[in-house]
N, C-alpha and C. Protein backbone atom coordinates (compact mmCIF):
# COMPACT_ATOMS: atom_id res chain seq x y z
N LEU A 1 127.26 84.56 100.87
CA LEU A 1 128.42 84.28 100.04
C LEU A 1 128.04 84.24 98.56
N GLN A 2 126.89 83.61 98.26
CA GLN A 2 126.45 83.54 96.87
C GLN A 2 126.11 84.93 96.33
N LYS A 3 125.51 85.78 97.19
CA LYS A 3 125.18 87.14 96.75
C LYS A 3 126.45 87.91 96.42
N ASN A 4 127.47 87.78 97.26
CA ASN A 4 128.74 88.47 97.00
C ASN A 4 129.36 87.98 95.70
N ASN A 5 129.26 86.69 95.47
CA ASN A 5 129.80 86.11 94.24
C ASN A 5 129.05 86.64 93.02
N LYS A 6 127.73 86.72 93.11
CA LYS A 6 126.91 87.25 92.01
C LYS A 6 127.25 88.72 91.75
N PHE A 7 127.37 89.51 92.84
CA PHE A 7 127.72 90.92 92.67
C PHE A 7 129.09 91.07 92.01
N HIS A 8 130.02 90.22 92.42
CA HIS A 8 131.36 90.26 91.82
C HIS A 8 131.29 89.92 90.33
N GLN A 9 130.50 88.92 89.96
CA GLN A 9 130.36 88.55 88.55
C GLN A 9 129.73 89.68 87.74
N VAL A 10 128.71 90.31 88.29
CA VAL A 10 128.05 91.42 87.59
C VAL A 10 129.02 92.58 87.43
N ALA A 11 129.77 92.88 88.48
CA ALA A 11 130.75 93.98 88.41
C ALA A 11 131.81 93.66 87.37
N GLN A 12 132.26 92.43 87.32
CA GLN A 12 133.28 92.03 86.34
C GLN A 12 132.73 92.14 84.91
N GLN A 13 131.49 91.73 84.71
CA GLN A 13 130.87 91.84 83.39
C GLN A 13 130.72 93.30 82.98
N ALA A 14 130.38 94.16 83.94
CA ALA A 14 130.27 95.60 83.64
C ALA A 14 131.62 96.16 83.21
N LEU A 15 132.69 95.76 83.89
CA LEU A 15 134.03 96.21 83.51
C LEU A 15 134.40 95.70 82.12
N ASN A 16 134.06 94.46 81.84
CA ASN A 16 134.34 93.89 80.52
C ASN A 16 133.59 94.66 79.43
N ILE A 17 132.35 95.01 79.70
CA ILE A 17 131.55 95.78 78.73
C ILE A 17 132.16 97.16 78.52
N GLU A 18 132.60 97.80 79.61
CA GLU A 18 133.25 99.11 79.48
C GLU A 18 134.51 99.00 78.63
N ASP A 19 135.30 97.95 78.85
CA ASP A 19 136.51 97.74 78.05
C ASP A 19 136.17 97.55 76.58
N LEU A 20 135.15 96.76 76.31
CA LEU A 20 134.73 96.53 74.92
C LEU A 20 134.24 97.82 74.27
N LEU A 21 133.49 98.62 75.01
CA LEU A 21 133.03 99.90 74.47
C LEU A 21 134.20 100.81 74.14
N HIS A 22 135.21 100.81 74.98
CA HIS A 22 136.40 101.62 74.71
C HIS A 22 137.10 101.15 73.44
N VAL A 23 137.23 99.85 73.28
CA VAL A 23 137.86 99.29 72.08
C VAL A 23 137.05 99.67 70.84
N ILE A 24 135.74 99.59 70.92
CA ILE A 24 134.88 99.94 69.78
C ILE A 24 135.01 101.41 69.44
N GLN A 25 135.00 102.28 70.46
CA GLN A 25 135.14 103.71 70.21
C GLN A 25 136.49 104.04 69.57
N THR A 26 137.55 103.42 70.06
CA THR A 26 138.88 103.64 69.49
C THR A 26 138.93 103.15 68.05
N SER A 27 138.36 101.98 67.79
CA SER A 27 138.35 101.43 66.43
C SER A 27 137.58 102.32 65.48
N LEU A 28 136.43 102.82 65.92
CA LEU A 28 135.64 103.71 65.07
C LEU A 28 136.38 105.01 64.79
N SER A 29 137.09 105.51 65.77
CA SER A 29 137.86 106.73 65.57
C SER A 29 138.96 106.52 64.53
N VAL A 30 139.67 105.40 64.63
CA VAL A 30 140.72 105.08 63.67
C VAL A 30 140.13 104.89 62.28
N MET A 31 139.01 104.18 62.19
CA MET A 31 138.35 103.96 60.90
C MET A 31 137.91 105.28 60.28
N ASN A 32 137.38 106.17 61.09
CA ASN A 32 136.93 107.47 60.60
C ASN A 32 138.11 108.27 60.05
N GLU A 33 139.23 108.23 60.75
CA GLU A 33 140.43 108.95 60.29
C GLU A 33 140.94 108.35 58.98
N GLN A 34 140.98 107.03 58.89
CA GLN A 34 141.45 106.38 57.66
C GLN A 34 140.51 106.67 56.50
N TRP A 35 139.22 106.68 56.75
CA TRP A 35 138.24 107.00 55.70
C TRP A 35 138.46 108.42 55.19
N ALA A 36 138.63 109.36 56.11
CA ALA A 36 138.86 110.76 55.73
C ALA A 36 140.13 110.89 54.90
N ASP A 37 141.20 110.19 55.29
CA ASP A 37 142.44 110.21 54.52
C ASP A 37 142.24 109.64 53.12
N ALA A 38 141.51 108.53 53.04
CA ALA A 38 141.26 107.90 51.74
C ALA A 38 140.45 108.81 50.83
N ILE A 39 139.44 109.47 51.37
CA ILE A 39 138.62 110.38 50.57
C ILE A 39 139.46 111.56 50.09
N ASN A 40 140.34 112.08 50.94
CA ASN A 40 141.21 113.18 50.53
C ASN A 40 142.13 112.76 49.39
N ILE A 41 142.70 111.57 49.49
CA ILE A 41 143.57 111.06 48.42
C ILE A 41 142.77 110.89 47.13
N PHE A 42 141.56 110.35 47.25
CA PHE A 42 140.70 110.17 46.09
C PHE A 42 140.45 111.50 45.39
N HIS A 43 140.09 112.53 46.17
CA HIS A 43 139.81 113.84 45.59
C HIS A 43 141.06 114.45 44.97
N GLU A 44 142.21 114.29 45.61
CA GLU A 44 143.46 114.81 45.04
C GLU A 44 143.73 114.17 43.68
N LYS A 45 143.57 112.85 43.60
CA LYS A 45 143.84 112.15 42.35
C LYS A 45 142.85 112.56 41.26
N PHE A 46 141.59 112.69 41.60
CA PHE A 46 140.61 113.07 40.58
C PHE A 46 140.74 114.53 40.19
N ASP A 47 141.19 115.38 41.11
CA ASP A 47 141.49 116.76 40.73
C ASP A 47 142.64 116.77 39.73
N PHE A 48 143.63 115.91 39.96
CA PHE A 48 144.76 115.79 39.04
C PHE A 48 144.27 115.31 37.67
N LEU A 49 143.36 114.35 37.64
CA LEU A 49 142.82 113.86 36.37
C LEU A 49 142.07 114.97 35.65
N SER A 50 141.27 115.72 36.38
CA SER A 50 140.53 116.83 35.75
C SER A 50 141.50 117.83 35.14
N ASP A 51 142.59 118.12 35.86
CA ASP A 51 143.61 119.03 35.33
C ASP A 51 144.25 118.46 34.07
N LEU A 52 144.54 117.16 34.08
CA LEU A 52 145.14 116.53 32.90
C LEU A 52 144.19 116.61 31.70
N ILE A 53 142.92 116.36 31.93
CA ILE A 53 141.94 116.41 30.84
C ILE A 53 141.88 117.82 30.27
N THR A 54 141.88 118.81 31.14
CA THR A 54 141.86 120.20 30.68
C THR A 54 143.15 120.52 29.92
N ASP A 55 144.29 120.10 30.46
CA ASP A 55 145.59 120.36 29.82
C ASP A 55 145.68 119.73 28.44
N HIS A 56 144.99 118.60 28.23
CA HIS A 56 145.01 117.94 26.92
C HIS A 56 143.94 118.50 25.98
N GLY A 57 143.24 119.52 26.44
CA GLY A 57 142.26 120.19 25.58
C GLY A 57 140.99 119.40 25.35
N LEU A 58 140.66 118.50 26.24
CA LEU A 58 139.44 117.70 26.07
C LEU A 58 138.28 118.39 26.77
N ASP A 59 137.09 118.20 26.23
CA ASP A 59 135.90 118.82 26.80
C ASP A 59 135.15 117.91 27.77
N SER A 60 135.61 116.68 27.92
CA SER A 60 134.86 115.74 28.76
C SER A 60 135.28 115.87 30.22
N SER A 61 134.43 115.33 31.08
CA SER A 61 134.74 115.31 32.51
C SER A 61 135.54 114.05 32.83
N SER A 62 136.07 114.00 34.04
CA SER A 62 136.81 112.80 34.44
C SER A 62 135.89 111.58 34.48
N GLN A 63 134.61 111.78 34.85
CA GLN A 63 133.66 110.67 34.86
C GLN A 63 133.43 110.15 33.44
N GLU A 64 133.29 111.05 32.48
CA GLU A 64 133.08 110.63 31.08
C GLU A 64 134.31 109.90 30.55
N ALA A 65 135.49 110.36 30.92
CA ALA A 65 136.72 109.71 30.47
C ALA A 65 136.80 108.29 31.02
N PHE A 66 136.45 108.10 32.28
CA PHE A 66 136.48 106.76 32.86
C PHE A 66 135.39 105.87 32.27
N LEU A 67 134.22 106.41 32.04
CA LEU A 67 133.16 105.61 31.41
C LEU A 67 133.59 105.17 30.02
N SER A 68 134.26 106.03 29.31
CA SER A 68 134.78 105.68 27.99
C SER A 68 135.79 104.55 28.10
N LEU A 69 136.66 104.64 29.09
CA LEU A 69 137.66 103.59 29.32
C LEU A 69 136.97 102.27 29.66
N LEU A 70 135.99 102.31 30.56
CA LEU A 70 135.29 101.09 30.96
C LEU A 70 134.47 100.50 29.82
N GLY A 71 133.96 101.36 28.96
CA GLY A 71 133.16 100.90 27.83
C GLY A 71 133.98 100.34 26.69
N GLY A 72 135.30 100.36 26.84
CA GLY A 72 136.17 99.81 25.81
C GLY A 72 136.45 100.76 24.67
N ALA A 73 136.04 101.99 24.82
CA ALA A 73 136.32 102.98 23.78
C ALA A 73 137.79 103.40 23.87
N ARG A 74 138.16 104.29 22.99
CA ARG A 74 139.53 104.78 22.95
C ARG A 74 139.89 105.42 24.29
N THR A 75 141.09 105.12 24.77
CA THR A 75 141.56 105.71 26.02
C THR A 75 142.13 107.08 25.74
N TYR A 76 141.67 108.06 26.49
CA TYR A 76 142.22 109.40 26.37
C TYR A 76 143.67 109.40 26.87
N PRO A 77 144.55 110.15 26.21
CA PRO A 77 145.93 110.25 26.71
C PRO A 77 145.99 110.73 28.16
N ALA A 78 145.08 111.61 28.53
CA ALA A 78 145.07 112.11 29.90
C ALA A 78 144.74 110.99 30.89
N VAL A 79 143.81 110.11 30.51
CA VAL A 79 143.45 108.99 31.39
C VAL A 79 144.62 108.01 31.48
N HIS A 80 145.28 107.76 30.36
CA HIS A 80 146.43 106.87 30.37
C HIS A 80 147.52 107.41 31.29
N ARG A 81 147.81 108.70 31.17
CA ARG A 81 148.83 109.32 32.02
C ARG A 81 148.41 109.25 33.49
N PHE A 82 147.14 109.49 33.75
CA PHE A 82 146.63 109.41 35.12
C PHE A 82 146.83 108.01 35.69
N LEU A 83 146.49 106.99 34.90
CA LEU A 83 146.64 105.61 35.36
C LEU A 83 148.10 105.26 35.61
N VAL A 84 148.98 105.71 34.72
CA VAL A 84 150.41 105.45 34.90
C VAL A 84 150.91 106.12 36.18
N ASN A 85 150.52 107.38 36.37
CA ASN A 85 150.97 108.10 37.57
C ASN A 85 150.37 107.51 38.84
N SER A 86 149.15 107.02 38.78
CA SER A 86 148.47 106.51 39.97
C SER A 86 148.81 105.06 40.29
N LEU A 87 148.92 104.26 39.25
CA LEU A 87 149.07 102.82 39.45
C LEU A 87 150.43 102.27 39.07
N GLY A 88 151.24 103.07 38.41
CA GLY A 88 152.49 102.58 37.87
C GLY A 88 152.29 102.29 36.39
N GLU A 89 153.27 101.70 35.76
CA GLU A 89 153.19 101.43 34.32
C GLU A 89 152.01 100.54 34.02
N VAL A 90 151.21 100.94 33.01
CA VAL A 90 150.01 100.20 32.64
C VAL A 90 150.29 99.34 31.43
């Protein structure tokens, strides 16, 4: 009787582990999809910023424009427009 009980406990633990593995796999799949979507949105927005910088006749890259903004230097009109379009009124 004790052996049957032990086997039942081990079988139940194995099922629980299988269930947990399924939950983990599903969660990782969802996280991977959300990450890919976020990266695509990021690239779309930065492509838009690069286009704005070019349209305003500036020679700097989007990275240089943001570093200038972070450094407290003058904000490029293209960066301001990008921030307004991305975040709402600044």
